[in-house]
PDB file of N, CA and C in Angstrom:
ATOM      1  N   TYR A   1       1.057 108.827  99.663  1.00  0.00           N
ATOM      2  CA  TYR A   1      -0.046 109.868 100.457  1.00  0.00           C
ATOM      3  C   TYR A   1      -0.172 111.425 100.481  1.00  0.00           C
ATOM      4  N   ALA A   2      -1.096 111.631 100.678  1.00  0.00           N
ATOM      5  CA  ALA A   2      -1.760 113.273 100.121  1.00  0.00           C
ATOM      6  C   ALA A   2      -0.697 113.870 101.368  1.00  0.00           C
ATOM      7  N   ALA A   3      -0.555 113.270 102.791  1.00  0.00           N
ATOM      8  CA  ALA A   3       0.152 113.893 103.526  1.00  0.00           C
ATOM      9  C   ALA A   3       1.412 113.676 103.330  1.00  0.00           C
ATOM     10  N   THR A   4       1.986 113.345 102.581  1.00  0.00           N
ATOM     11  CA  THR A   4       3.699 112.989 102.816  1.00  0.00           C
ATOM     12  C   THR A   4       3.958 114.529 102.208  1.00  0.00           C
ATOM     13  N   GLU A   5       5.322 114.994 103.160  1.00  0.00           N
ATOM     14  CA  GLU A   5       6.161 115.726 102.329  1.00  0.00           C
ATOM     15  C   GLU A   5       6.928 114.994 101.308  1.00  0.00           C
ATOM     16  N   VAL A   6       6.722 116.288 100.746  1.00  0.00           N
ATOM     17  CA  VAL A   6       7.731 116.168  99.091  1.00  0.00           C
ATOM     18  C   VAL A   6       9.613 116.763  99.541  1.00  0.00           C
ATOM     19  N   ASN A   7      10.197 115.722  99.152  1.00  0.00           N
ATOM     20  CA  ASN A   7      12.159 116.308 100.290  1.00  0.00           C
ATOM     21  C   ASN A   7      12.132 117.001  98.239  1.00  0.00           C
ATOM     22  N   PRO A   8      12.554 118.083  98.408  1.00  0.00           N
ATOM     23  CA  PRO A   8      12.312 118.322  96.761  1.00  0.00           C
ATOM     24  C   PRO A   8      13.829 118.059  95.556  1.00  0.00           C
ATOM     25  N   SER A   9      14.609 117.314  96.849  1.00  0.00           N
ATOM     26  CA  SER A   9      15.346 116.817  95.951  1.00  0.00           C
ATOM     27  C   SER A   9      14.473 115.746  94.807  1.00  0.00           C
ATOM     28  N   TRP A  10      13.653 115.159  94.822  1.00  0.00           N
ATOM     29  CA  TRP A  10      13.109 113.889  94.235  1.00  0.00           C
ATOM     30  C   TRP A  10      12.549 114.929  93.118  1.00  0.00           C
ATOM     31  N   LEU A  11      12.445 116.201  92.889  1.00  0.00           N
ATOM     32  CA  LEU A  11      12.101 116.605  91.777  1.00  0.00           C
ATOM     33  C   LEU A  11      13.116 118.005  91.237  1.00  0.00           C
ATOM     34  N   SER A  12      14.370 117.302  91.436  1.00  0.00           N
ATOM     35  CA  SER A  12      15.694 117.811  90.865  1.00  0.00           C
ATOM     36  C   SER A  12      15.266 117.213  89.514  1.00  0.00           C
ATOM     37  N   THR A  13      15.873 117.793  88.398  1.00  0.00           N
ATOM     38  CA  THR A  13      15.706 117.484  87.718  1.00  0.00           C
ATOM     39  C   THR A  13      17.398 116.444  86.736  1.00  0.00           C
ATOM     40  N   GLU A  14      17.978 117.295  87.914  1.00  0.00           N
ATOM     41  CA  GLU A  14      20.182 116.246  88.223  1.00  0.00           C
ATOM     42  C   GLU A  14      19.457 115.159  89.248  1.00  0.00           C
ATOM     43  N   THR A  15      19.353 114.624  88.896  1.00  0.00           N
ATOM     44  CA  THR A  15      19.209 113.190  90.240  1.00  0.00           C
ATOM     45  C   THR A  15      20.447 112.132  89.771  1.00  0.00           C
ATOM     46  N   LEU A  16      20.784 112.534  89.050  1.00  0.00           N
ATOM     47  CA  LEU A  16      22.047 111.178  88.838  1.00  0.00           C
ATOM     48  C   LEU A  16      22.881 111.180  88.910  1.00  0.00           C
ATOM     49  N   GLN A  17      23.645 110.525  89.618  1.00  0.00           N
ATOM     50  CA  GLN A  17      25.082 111.166  89.176  1.00  0.00           C
ATOM     51  C   GLN A  17      25.998 110.877  88.550  1.00  0.00           C
ATOM     52  N   ARG A  18      27.225 112.149  87.717  1.00  0.00           N
ATOM     53  CA  ARG A  18      27.810 111.530  86.495  1.00  0.00           C
ATOM     54  C   ARG A  18      28.960 111.139  87.749  1.00  0.00           C
ATOM     55  N   VAL A  19      30.457 110.640  86.555  1.00  0.00           N
ATOM     56  CA  VAL A  19      31.136 110.296  87.564  1.00  0.00           C
ATOM     57  C   VAL A  19      31.786 110.413  85.423  1.00  0.00           C
ATOM     58  N   SER A  20      34.008 110.503  85.968  1.00  0.00           N
ATOM     59  CA  SER A  20      33.985 110.592  84.727  1.00  0.00           C
ATOM     60  C   SER A  20      34.551 109.114  83.553  1.00  0.00           C
ATOM     61  N   HIS A  21      34.669 108.871  82.631  1.00  0.00           N
ATOM     62  CA  HIS A  21      35.054 108.265  82.255  1.00  0.00           C
ATOM     63  C   HIS A  21      36.134 107.704  82.855  1.00  0.00           C
ATOM     64  N   GLU A  22      36.864 107.881  83.353  1.00  0.00           N
ATOM     65  CA  GLU A  22      38.156 107.362  84.125  1.00  0.00           C
ATOM     66  C   GLU A  22      37.949 106.862  85.142  1.00  0.00           C
ATOM     67  N   ILE A  23      36.697 106.895  85.259  1.00  0.00           N
ATOM     68  CA  ILE A  23      36.581 106.071  86.828  1.00  0.00           C
ATOM     69  C   ILE A  23      37.776 104.326  86.537  1.00  0.00           C
ATOM     70  N   SER A  24      38.141 104.071  87.855  1.00  0.00           N
ATOM     71  CA  SER A  24      39.014 102.625  87.487  1.00  0.00           C
ATOM     72  C   SER A  24      37.066 101.357  87.740  1.00  0.00           C
ATOM     73  N   PRO A  25      37.885 100.314  86.883  1.00  0.00           N
ATOM     74  CA  PRO A  25      36.098  99.701  86.875  1.00  0.00           C
ATOM     75  C   PRO A  25      36.458  98.953  88.421  1.00  0.00           C
ATOM     76  N   HIS A  26      37.547  98.962  89.250  1.00  0.00           N
ATOM     77  CA  HIS A  26      37.135  98.335  90.485  1.00  0.00           C
ATOM     78  C   HIS A  26      36.374  99.681  91.688  1.00  0.00           C
ATOM     79  N   ASP A  27      37.026 100.948  90.849  1.00  0.00           N
ATOM     80  CA  ASP A  27      35.556 101.796  91.907  1.00  0.00           C
ATOM     81  C   ASP A  27      33.948 101.325  91.114  1.00  0.00           C
ATOM     82  N   PHE A  28      33.946 101.849  90.240  1.00  0.00           N
ATOM     83  CA  PHE A  28      32.096 101.522  89.486  1.00  0.00           C
ATOM     84  C   PHE A  28      32.108 100.129  90.023  1.00  0.00           C
ATOM     85  N   LEU A  29      32.580  99.100  89.449  1.00  0.00           N
ATOM     86  CA  LEU A  29      32.021  98.282  90.531  1.00  0.00           C
ATOM     87  C   LEU A  29      31.421  98.391  91.631  1.00  0.00           C
ATOM     88  N   GLU A  30      32.306  98.594  92.961  1.00  0.00           N
ATOM     89  CA  GLU A  30      31.643  99.104  94.204  1.00  0.00           C
ATOM     90  C   GLU A  30      30.768 100.313  93.959  1.00  0.00           C
ATOM     91  N   ARG A  31      30.472 101.093  93.451  1.00  0.00           N
ATOM     92  CA  ARG A  31      30.396 102.483  93.758  1.00  0.00           C
ATOM     93  C   ARG A  31      28.506 101.933  92.941  1.00  0.00           C
ATOM     94  N   PHE A  32      29.135 101.556  92.210  1.00  0.00           N
ATOM     95  CA  PHE A  32      27.315 101.710  91.398  1.00  0.00           C
ATOM     96  C   PHE A  32      26.813 100.218  90.762  1.00  0.00           C
ATOM     97  N   GLU A  33      27.472  98.964  90.634  1.00  0.00           N
ATOM     98  CA  GLU A  33      27.242  97.710  89.835  1.00  0.00           C
ATOM     99  C   GLU A  33      27.211  97.019  91.047  1.00  0.00           C
ATOM    100  N   GLN A  34      27.708  96.877  91.946  1.00  0.00           N
ATOM    101  CA  GLN A  34      26.964  96.190  92.825  1.00  0.00           C
ATOM    102  C   GLN A  34      26.496  96.812  93.973  1.00  0.00           C
ATOM    103  N   ARG A  35      25.723  98.140  94.051  1.00  0.00           N
ATOM    104  CA  ARG A  35      24.158  98.595  94.272  1.00  0.00           C
ATOM    105  C   ARG A  35      23.222  98.557  93.063  1.00  0.00           C
ATOM    106  N   SER A  36      23.423  98.632  91.805  1.00  0.00           N
ATOM    107  CA  SER A  36      22.344  98.757  91.235  1.00  0.00           C
ATOM    108  C   SER A  36      21.694  99.278  90.524  1.00  0.00           C
ATOM    109  N   CYS A  37      22.891 100.884  90.874  1.00  0.00           N
ATOM    110  CA  CYS A  37      23.227 102.254  90.959  1.00  0.00           C
ATOM    111  C   CYS A  37      23.341 102.786  89.498  1.00  0.00           C
ATOM    112  N   PRO A  38      22.210 103.237  89.195  1.00  0.00           N
ATOM    113  CA  PRO A  38      22.398 103.892  87.862  1.00  0.00           C
ATOM    114  C   PRO A  38      23.167 105.048  88.149  1.00  0.00           C
ATOM    115  N   VAL A  39      24.384 105.915  86.867  1.00  0.00           N
ATOM    116  CA  VAL A  39      24.673 106.386  87.024  1.00  0.00           C
ATOM    117  C   VAL A  39      25.526 107.095  85.922  1.00  0.00           C
ATOM    118  N   ILE A  40      25.924 108.144  85.517  1.00  0.00           N
ATOM    119  CA  ILE A  40      25.616 108.959  84.088  1.00  0.00           C
ATOM    120  C   ILE A  40      27.223 108.614  84.010  1.00  0.00           C
ATOM    121  N   VAL A  41      28.430 107.657  83.362  1.00  0.00           N
ATOM    122  CA  VAL A  41      29.422 107.943  82.736  1.00  0.00           C
ATOM    123  C   VAL A  41      29.946 109.047  81.422  1.00  0.00           C
ATOM    124  N   GLU A  42      30.319 110.148  81.466  1.00  0.00           N
ATOM    125  CA  GLU A  42      30.642 111.323  81.090  1.00  0.00           C
ATOM    126  C   GLU A  42      32.143 110.903  80.229  1.00  0.00           C
ATOM    127  N   GLY A  43      31.927 111.698  78.682  1.00  0.00           N
ATOM    128  CA  GLY A  43      33.484 111.068  78.050  1.00  0.00           C
ATOM    129  C   GLY A  43      33.853 109.978  77.914  1.00  0.00           C
ATOM    130  N   CYS A  44      32.914 108.882  77.747  1.00  0.00           N
ATOM    131  CA  CYS A  44      33.315 107.406  77.067  1.00  0.00           C
ATOM    132  C   CYS A  44      33.212 107.888  75.295  1.00  0.00           C
ATOM    133  N   VAL A  45      32.940 108.427  74.755  1.00  0.00           N
ATOM    134  CA  VAL A  45      32.481 108.660  73.335  1.00  0.00           C
ATOM    135  C   VAL A  45      32.887 109.693  72.102  1.00  0.00           C
ATOM    136  N   LYS A  46      33.590 110.227  73.497  1.00  0.00           N
ATOM    137  CA  LYS A  46      34.605 111.474  72.572  1.00  0.00           C
ATOM    138  C   LYS A  46      35.331 111.673  71.612  1.00  0.00           C
ATOM    139  N   HIS A  47      35.856 110.282  71.461  1.00  0.00           N
ATOM    140  CA  HIS A  47      37.172 109.918  70.345  1.00  0.00           C
ATOM    141  C   HIS A  47      35.988 108.462  69.212  1.00  0.00           C
ATOM    142  N   TRP A  48      34.951 108.508  69.269  1.00  0.00           N
ATOM    143  CA  TRP A  48      34.103 107.996  68.430  1.00  0.00           C
ATOM    144  C   TRP A  48      33.784 108.702  67.233  1.00  0.00           C
ATOM    145  N   PRO A  49      34.429 108.319  65.718  1.00  0.00           N
ATOM    146  CA  PRO A  49      34.975 109.116  64.506  1.00  0.00           C
ATOM    147  C   PRO A  49      32.553 109.513  64.360  1.00  0.00           C
ATOM    148  N   ALA A  50      32.173 108.945  64.916  1.00  0.00           N
ATOM    149  CA  ALA A  50      30.968 108.669  64.843  1.00  0.00           C
ATOM    150  C   ALA A  50      29.983 110.483  65.330  1.00  0.00           C
ATOM    151  N   MET A  51      31.205 110.575  66.634  1.00  0.00           N
ATOM    152  CA  MET A  51      31.007 111.901  66.900  1.00  0.00           C
ATOM    153  C   MET A  51      30.520 113.218  65.816  1.00  0.00           C
ATOM    154  N   ARG A  52      31.529 113.093  65.327  1.00  0.00           N
ATOM    155  CA  ARG A  52      31.648 114.186  63.715  1.00  0.00           C
ATOM    156  C   ARG A  52      30.686 114.156  63.308  1.00  0.00           C
ATOM    157  N   TRP A  53      29.978 113.307  62.709  1.00  0.00           N
ATOM    158  CA  TRP A  53      28.840 113.096  61.465  1.00  0.00           C
ATOM    159  C   TRP A  53      27.624 114.485  61.559  1.00  0.00           C
ATOM    160  N   SER A  54      28.073 115.026  60.585  1.00  0.00           N
ATOM    161  CA  SER A  54      26.570 115.291  60.712  1.00  0.00           C
ATOM    162  C   SER A  54      25.598 114.821  59.754  1.00  0.00           C
ATOM    163  N   ARG A  55      24.401 115.622  59.122  1.00  0.00           N
ATOM    164  CA  ARG A  55      23.539 115.784  58.297  1.00  0.00           C
ATOM    165  C   ARG A  55      23.808 115.703  56.921  1.00  0.00           C
ATOM    166  N   GLU A  56      24.941 117.315  56.391  1.00  0.00           N
ATOM    167  CA  GLU A  56      26.098 117.616  55.367  1.00  0.00           C
ATOM    168  C   GLU A  56      26.806 116.042  55.191  1.00  0.00           C
ATOM    169  N   THR A  57      27.211 115.819  56.067  1.00  0.00           N
ATOM    170  CA  THR A  57      28.487 114.395  55.648  1.00  0.00           C
ATOM    171  C   THR A  57      27.512 113.066  55.591  1.00  0.00           C
ATOM    172  N   LEU A  58      26.995 112.068  56.161  1.00  0.00           N
ATOM    173  CA  LEU A  58      25.556 111.721  55.949  1.00  0.00           C
ATOM    174  C   LEU A  58      25.443 111.456  55.126  1.00  0.00           C
ATOM    175  N   LEU A  59      24.510 112.874  53.908  1.00  0.00           N
ATOM    176  CA  LEU A  59      23.856 113.072  53.238  1.00  0.00           C
ATOM    177  C   LEU A  59      24.710 112.858  52.186  1.00  0.00           C
ATOM    178  N   ARG A  60      25.753 113.090  52.478  1.00  0.00           N
ATOM    179  CA  ARG A  60      26.892 113.285  51.001  1.00  0.00           C
ATOM    180  C   ARG A  60      27.694 112.069  50.841  1.00  0.00           C
ATOM    181  N   ARG A  61      28.162 111.151  51.892  1.00  0.00           N
ATOM    182  CA  ARG A  61      28.444 109.670  51.683  1.00  0.00           C
ATOM    183  C   ARG A  61      26.961 108.534  51.654  1.00  0.00           C
ATOM    184  N   PHE A  62      26.348 108.937  52.425  1.00  0.00           N
ATOM    185  CA  PHE A  62      25.050 107.408  52.407  1.00  0.00           C
ATOM    186  C   PHE A  62      23.880 108.639  51.517  1.00  0.00           C
ATOM    187  N   GLY A  63      23.769 109.464  51.137  1.00  0.00           N
ATOM    188  CA  GLY A  63      21.869 110.484  50.578  1.00  0.00           C
ATOM    189  C   GLY A  63      21.175 108.801  49.866  1.00  0.00           C
ATOM    190  N   ALA A  64      21.934 108.537  48.788  1.00  0.00           N
ATOM    191  CA  ALA A  64      20.750 107.611  47.468  1.00  0.00           C
ATOM    192  C   ALA A  64      21.051 105.995  48.542  1.00  0.00           C
ATOM    193  N   LEU A  65      21.875 106.001  49.705  1.00  0.00           N
ATOM    194  CA  LEU A  65      21.508 104.739  49.250  1.00  0.00           C
ATOM    195  C   LEU A  65      20.317 104.186  49.935  1.00  0.00           C
ATOM    196  N   PRO A  66      19.768 103.503  49.993  1.00  0.00           N
ATOM    197  CA  PRO A  66      18.122 102.839  51.099  1.00  0.00           C
ATOM    198  C   PRO A  66      18.063 102.600  52.000  1.00  0.00           C
ATOM    199  N   PHE A  67      18.089 102.613  53.143  1.00  0.00           N
ATOM    200  CA  PHE A  67      16.959 102.254  54.293  1.00  0.00           C
ATOM    201  C   PHE A  67      16.755 101.828  55.103  1.00  0.00           C
ATOM    202  N   ALA A  68      16.445 101.131  55.621  1.00  0.00           N
ATOM    203  CA  ALA A  68      14.517 100.615  56.102  1.00  0.00           C
ATOM    204  C   ALA A  68      14.412 101.441  57.040  1.00  0.00           C
ATOM    205  N   ALA A  69      12.399 102.256  56.630  1.00  0.00           N
ATOM    206  CA  ALA A  69      12.406 103.275  57.650  1.00  0.00           C
ATOM    207  C   ALA A  69      10.652 101.981  57.156  1.00  0.00           C
ATOM    208  N   GLY A  70      10.427 102.155  58.088  1.00  0.00           N
ATOM    209  CA  GLY A  70       9.433 101.375  58.065  1.00  0.00           C
ATOM    210  C   GLY A  70       8.730 100.443  57.592  1.00  0.00           C
ATOM    211  N   ALA A  71       7.947  99.955  57.329  1.00  0.00           N
ATOM    212  CA  ALA A  71       7.576  99.216  55.930  1.00  0.00           C
ATOM    213  C   ALA A  71       8.589  98.925  54.469  1.00  0.00           C
ATOM    214  N   ALA A  72       8.946  99.843  54.137  1.00  0.00           N
ATOM    215  CA  ALA A  72       9.335 100.174  52.687  1.00  0.00           C
ATOM    216  C   ALA A  72      10.991 100.625  53.195  1.00  0.00           C
ATOM    217  N   ASP A  73      11.709 100.747  51.589  1.00  0.00           N
ATOM    218  CA  ASP A  73      12.938 100.735  52.186  1.00  0.00           C
ATOM    219  C   ASP A  73      12.758 102.460  51.389  1.00  0.00           C
ATOM    220  N   PHE A  74      13.817 103.632  51.878  1.00  0.00           N
ATOM    221  CA  PHE A  74      14.044 104.966  51.934  1.00  0.00           C
ATOM    222  C   PHE A  74      15.639 105.616  51.214  1.00  0.00           C
ATOM    223  N   PRO A  75      16.236 106.512  50.328  1.00  0.00           N
ATOM    224  CA  PRO A  75      17.122 106.561  50.450  1.00  0.00           C
ATOM    225  C   PRO A  75      17.164 108.095  51.950  1.00  0.00           C
ATOM    226  N   LEU A  76      18.270 107.692  52.307  1.00  0.00           N
ATOM    227  CA  LEU A  76      18.790 108.301  53.445  1.00  0.00           C
ATOM    228  C   LEU A  76      18.210 110.124  53.148  1.00  0.00           C
ATOM    229  N   GLU A  77      18.475 110.678  51.982  1.00  0.00           N
ATOM    230  CA  GLU A  77      18.412 111.820  51.178  1.00  0.00           C
ATOM    231  C   GLU A  77      16.716 112.196  51.396  1.00  0.00           C
ATOM    232  N   LEU A  78      16.075 111.265  51.016  1.00  0.00           N
ATOM    233  CA  LEU A  78      14.253 110.796  51.485  1.00  0.00           C
ATOM    234  C   LEU A  78      13.435 111.130  53.016  1.00  0.00           C
ATOM    235  N   TRP A  79      14.569 110.650  53.408  1.00  0.00           N
ATOM    236  CA  TRP A  79      13.734 109.194  55.014  1.00  0.00           C
ATOM    237  C   TRP A  79      14.452 111.354  55.685  1.00  0.00           C
ATOM    238  N   TYR A  80      15.060 112.290  55.320  1.00  0.00           N
ATOM    239  CA  TYR A  80      15.725 112.909  56.120  1.00  0.00           C
ATOM    240  C   TYR A  80      14.234 114.412  55.696  1.00  0.00           C
ATOM    241  N   ASP A  81      13.737 114.652  54.500  1.00  0.00           N
ATOM    242  CA  ASP A  81      12.538 115.283  54.439  1.00  0.00           C
ATOM    243  C   ASP A  81      11.904 115.194  54.743  1.00  0.00           C
ATOM    244  N   TYR A  82      11.639 113.920  55.509  1.00  0.00           N
ATOM    245  CA  TYR A  82      10.590 113.310  55.716  1.00  0.00           C
ATOM    246  C   TYR A  82      10.366 113.576  57.263  1.00  0.00           C
ATOM    247  N   ALA A  83      11.795 113.374  57.868  1.00  0.00           N
ATOM    248  CA  ALA A  83      11.769 113.661  58.759  1.00  0.00           C
ATOM    249  C   ALA A  83      11.439 115.135  59.208  1.00  0.00           C
ATOM    250  N   GLN A  84      12.545 115.652  58.982  1.00  0.00           N
ATOM    251  CA  GLN A  84      12.312 117.610  58.946  1.00  0.00           C
ATOM    252  C   GLN A  84      11.184 117.753  58.949  1.00  0.00           C
ATOM    253  N   SER A  85       9.930 117.467  57.900  1.00  0.00           N
ATOM    254  CA  SER A  85       8.452 117.581  58.328  1.00  0.00           C
ATOM    255  C   SER A  85       7.618 116.728  59.314  1.00  0.00           C
ATOM    256  N   ASN A  86       8.540 116.509  59.901  1.00  0.00           N
ATOM    257  CA  ASN A  86       7.522 115.316  60.515  1.00  0.00           C
ATOM    258  C   ASN A  86       6.512 115.722  61.378  1.00  0.00           C
ATOM    259  N   THR A  87       5.280 115.022  61.443  1.00  0.00           N
ATOM    260  CA  THR A  87       4.588 115.267  62.555  1.00  0.00           C
ATOM    261  C   THR A  87       3.542 113.706  62.873  1.00  0.00           C
ATOM    262  N   ASP A  88       3.761 113.362  62.896  1.00  0.00           N
ATOM    263  CA  ASP A  88       3.030 111.845  62.795  1.00  0.00           C
ATOM    264  C   ASP A  88       2.995 111.201  64.971  1.00  0.00           C
ATOM    265  N   ASP A  89       2.251 110.946  65.136  1.00  0.00           N
ATOM    266  CA  ASP A  89       2.768 110.202  66.458  1.00  0.00           C
ATOM    267  C   ASP A  89       4.063 109.608  66.918  1.00  0.00           C
ATOM    268  N   VAL A  90       4.077 108.496  65.496  1.00  0.00           N
ATOM    269  CA  VAL A  90       4.606 107.289  65.546  1.00  0.00           C
ATOM    270  C   VAL A  90       5.482 107.244  63.845  1.00  0.00           C
ATOM    271  N   PRO A  91       6.454 107.781  64.251  1.00  0.00           N
ATOM    272  CA  PRO A  91       7.421 108.235  62.975  1.00  0.00           C
ATOM    273  C   PRO A  91       8.034 107.363  63.101  1.00  0.00           C
ATOM    274  N   MET A  92       8.278 107.094  61.051  1.00  0.00           N
ATOM    275  CA  MET A  92       9.293 106.028  61.281  1.00  0.00           C
ATOM    276  C   MET A  92      10.880 106.662  61.880  1.00  0.00           C
ATOM    277  N   PHE A  93      11.206 104.791  61.729  1.00  0.00           N
ATOM    278  CA  PHE A  93      12.932 105.207  62.304  1.00  0.00           C
ATOM    279  C   PHE A  93      13.509 104.345  61.418  1.00  0.00           C
ATOM    280  N   ILE A  94      15.216 104.966  60.932  1.00  0.00           N
ATOM    281  CA  ILE A  94      16.019 103.978  59.526  1.00  0.00           C
ATOM    282  C   ILE A  94      16.470 102.689  60.236  1.00  0.00           C
ATOM    283  N   PHE A  95      16.698 102.067  59.843  1.00  0.00           N
ATOM    284  CA  PHE A  95      17.404 101.082  60.294  1.00  0.00           C
ATOM    285  C   PHE A  95      18.380 100.348  58.929  1.00  0.00           C
ATOM    286  N   ASP A  96      19.853  99.839  59.370  1.00  0.00           N
ATOM    287  CA  ASP A  96      20.339  99.423  58.058  1.00  0.00           C
ATOM    288  C   ASP A  96      20.357  98.014  58.100  1.00  0.00           C
ATOM    289  N   LYS A  97      19.294  96.734  57.677  1.00  0.00           N
ATOM    290  CA  LYS A  97      19.259  95.652  57.585  1.00  0.00           C
ATOM    291  C   LYS A  97      20.496  94.985  57.250  1.00  0.00           C
ATOM    292  N   TYR A  98      20.959  95.464  56.627  1.00  0.00           N
ATOM    293  CA  TYR A  98      22.705  95.355  55.576  1.00  0.00           C
ATOM    294  C   TYR A  98      23.889  95.134  56.379  1.00  0.00           C
ATOM    295  N   PHE A  99      24.293  96.822  57.745  1.00  0.00           N
ATOM    296  CA  PHE A  99      25.180  96.539  58.820  1.00  0.00           C
ATOM    297  C   PHE A  99      25.554  95.810  58.584  1.00  0.00           C
ATOM    298  N   ALA A 100      25.471  95.057  59.014  1.00  0.00           N
ATOM    299  CA  ALA A 100      26.366  93.640  59.457  1.00  0.00           C
ATOM    300  C   ALA A 100      27.840  93.263  58.572  1.00  0.00           C
ATOM    301  N   SER A 101      26.929  93.520  57.368  1.00  0.00           N
ATOM    302  CA  SER A 101      27.187  92.666  56.092  1.00  0.00           C
ATOM    303  C   SER A 101      28.508  93.681  55.440  1.00  0.00           C
ATOM    304  N   ARG A 102      28.577  95.149  56.141  1.00  0.00           N
ATOM    305  CA  ARG A 102      28.733  95.983  55.223  1.00  0.00           C
ATOM    306  C   ARG A 102      30.616  96.314  55.556  1.00  0.00           C
TER     307      ARG A 102
END
């Protein structure tokens, strides 16, 4: 309704609660899961090797490998060139259809 007052917190850019990845399963279930309450769990992936990947390391290791991008297979190097200058409304994303077998 147009006459309803707007609570300033509704317009806040930070509306989700954040918790550490060290939250216990019991606390997580009680505070978020059982209440169907969204939450951002911070620090979960710091130890993942993928967090250290960069464009340069991926190109060095996989630059010549073809990946499915849209209806075609592109080497990763060519896809990065496309992505850097892309202005398409619906850009192509890469997929590795052989991921499970590698």
